[in-house]
């Protein structure tokens, strides 16, 4: 075993790992990122099939203007051209009416008011609250559900269900289980300040720019490099042991991978307090998802030359009652809650996502393509008549695919489920029972999606840098 020494070793080259690594390396620290996969990015990767480029999971960047993303772009001097799609999101109600989220908050409010005339004043108050609330204001909501927040503004159940629907897709929880704090953050970052796309047309461009900057700051990235163990000596994280047996020493260890894998496999339960071990075993992951990737003929875009083709997220709401639909979806072939579709005219592709429960590998081997076929027929029925005639290529990613690709526990799409009891737990970010160790990413319980994990990475890097100054 070698004694290669680093200031920081980061496990996992997802967005959280790359952002944290860039800040540390920029400050002059010797930083290594180990990534088990042969390409960086985690859920923020793209791939090519038969001439089509697809985003694997994430496809848009949210929270650019009003969150930390813009600051991160500026701090790291990321030369990425972004374009904002307007509207960023369109919800199609079960009765086929539509409502959209526009760059203009006033226009969004007016559109909701036109559909729900009995809640005109309350809609204005609710959206004003969403737009004006800062993190300190929202801390008071961390122990409340999003349904409690909705009930404090509205009486119309249909309106509450419509507002909740895109949050279900962005968190995998219905309003009765979703933390109000996280619900508001999703609104702020994904809907009111969402819809930013790289001009290159795919999310891998964002990841590649972070990798380029990390190398520019003299950081070291090792792909296809699996960490076998985080070495703990007398309660202090001292280094990592790679699968090939190489031992690497570091002053700080940061994990950007699944919390279950991190604590139970890399750290080992013998290094965990009994209270934390049992808390970890009781934690509930977010649901997984089923994703369809479709390559389209050119004439699809002339046949359906409508606002659906602007690059907006199209949310198809299949049932009025989100709570009832959520209770039933685990036993359904197709998620009765609905799904979201995104069309890229530039790449001539369609991406569709629906929440789906994790099942064993044998289930997906038997049912994957049948589910894909039914899913595409639903899209044809709901959105595009004769859709099948325009399909050149089709494939899908299952919850098992997500688990294999990222090692995320049960193929979870958003880390731990963002319920009030599982939110902002310091034991999953900077546990006090292991010194010099940190967890970033959406398993840290502090944020989800690109804005959330980028912020956790930013905050963690600055915490380490402050400690570095104080230790001198």
Foldseek 3Di string as FASTA:
>chain_A
DDAAEFAEEEEAQALLRLLLLLLQLLVPTAYEYEAQAQDHHQQLAWDDDPQFIGRNHDWWWWPCPPFCVVVSCVVLVQPFDKDFFAQQEWEQAQVRDIATFGLDLVNNLVRLCVVPVVQNVLSVVVSVCLQPDDLVNLVVQLQPFLVVVVVVRDDDLLSQLRLQLVVCVQFVDGRRFFGNSQSSVCCRIPRNGIRMGTPVRGSVSVSVSSVVSSVVSVYHYDYSKAWFAQDADQQARFFTATPVGDTYGHLFYEYAAALCCCVPGHHNPVLPDPVVVVVVVPFAFRFAKKKKKFAWDLCVCVVPVDSLQSFHKYWYAQDSRQVVQSVPQAPDLDRNRTKIWTAGNVSRMIMIMDGYHQDDPVVCVPCVVVSVVVVVVVCCVSPNPPRVVTTDDMHMADLVNLCVSRVHDSSGPQATRNGSVQADDQCLAANPSHPNYGYAARNSRQATDSSRRSVSSVVVSVVSVVVVVVVD
